[in-house]
Amino acid sequence: MNMPVTQRLVRPRNGKVIAGVCAGLADRFGMGRNTVRFLFVLSCLLPGPQFVIYLALWLIMPKSTV
């Protein structure tokens, strides 16, 4: 189920699995939450700083107020 596209990049209070980073990205860009989670896990198989970026977004992205 796609959620409406939001204007801000925030971590939602509901529907998160670990920190809500993938759910927040999915809501912001109008994608499915599980699709973004799958793409993140798939990207972790490739070399690069994906996990560090996830941690940085966890710290930078504010929680949703709603």
Protein backbone atom coordinates (compact mmCIF):
# COMPACT_ATOMS: atom_id res chain seq x y z
CA MET A 1 0.00 0.00 0.00
CA ASN A 2 1.53 3.30 -1.09
CA MET A 3 1.24 6.19 1.30
CA PRO A 4 0.71 9.72 0.01
CA VAL A 5 3.90 11.56 -0.87
CA THR A 6 4.98 13.86 1.95
CA GLN A 7 6.76 17.16 1.49
CA ARG A 8 9.31 16.60 4.27
CA LEU A 9 11.77 13.83 4.95
CA VAL A 10 10.76 12.51 8.39
CA ARG A 11 10.79 9.17 10.17
CA PRO A 12 7.21 8.01 10.79
CA ARG A 13 6.03 6.92 14.22
CA ASN A 14 3.99 4.00 12.80
CA GLY A 15 5.03 1.33 10.33
CA LYS A 16 8.73 1.43 11.03
CA VAL A 17 10.83 -1.72 11.40
CA ILE A 18 14.13 -0.59 12.92
CA ALA A 19 14.51 3.18 12.89
CA GLY A 20 12.00 4.27 10.25
CA VAL A 21 14.59 5.53 7.76
CA CYS A 22 13.40 3.35 4.87
CA ALA A 23 9.76 4.08 5.70
CA GLY A 24 10.48 7.81 5.73
CA LEU A 25 12.28 7.64 2.40
CA ALA A 26 9.45 5.60 0.90
CA ASP A 27 6.82 8.07 2.12
CA ARG A 28 8.80 11.05 0.83
CA PHE A 29 9.28 9.63 -2.66
CA GLY A 30 5.94 7.80 -3.02
CA MET A 31 7.33 4.27 -3.05
CA GLY A 32 6.31 1.17 -1.15
CA ARG A 33 7.98 0.79 2.22
CA ASN A 34 8.87 -2.86 1.63
CA THR A 35 10.30 -1.96 -1.78
CA VAL A 36 12.68 0.56 -0.22
CA ARG A 37 13.63 -1.92 2.51
CA PHE A 38 14.34 -4.60 -0.10
CA LEU A 39 16.45 -2.19 -2.17
CA PHE A 40 18.43 -1.20 0.93
CA VAL A 41 19.15 -4.83 1.86
CA LEU A 42 20.06 -5.57 -1.76
CA SER A 43 22.39 -2.56 -1.85
CA CYS A 44 24.18 -3.84 1.26
CA LEU A 45 25.47 -6.72 -0.85
CA LEU A 46 27.46 -4.21 -2.89
CA PRO A 47 30.58 -2.46 -1.58
CA GLY A 48 29.98 1.02 -0.27
CA PRO A 49 28.93 3.09 2.72
CA GLN A 50 25.24 2.11 2.74
CA PHE A 51 25.11 1.18 6.42
CA VAL A 52 26.94 4.36 7.44
CA ILE A 53 24.49 6.44 5.38
CA TYR A 54 21.58 4.64 7.08
CA LEU A 55 23.01 5.47 10.52
CA ALA A 56 23.58 9.10 9.50
CA LEU A 57 19.99 9.40 8.24
CA TRP A 58 18.76 7.85 11.49
CA LEU A 59 20.49 10.64 13.39
CA ILE A 60 19.62 13.47 10.98
CA MET A 61 15.98 12.71 10.05
CA PRO A 62 13.52 14.09 12.59
CA LYS A 63 10.64 11.98 13.90
CA SER A 64 7.21 12.75 12.59
CA THR A 65 5.09 14.88 14.89
CA VAL A 66 1.88 13.19 13.78
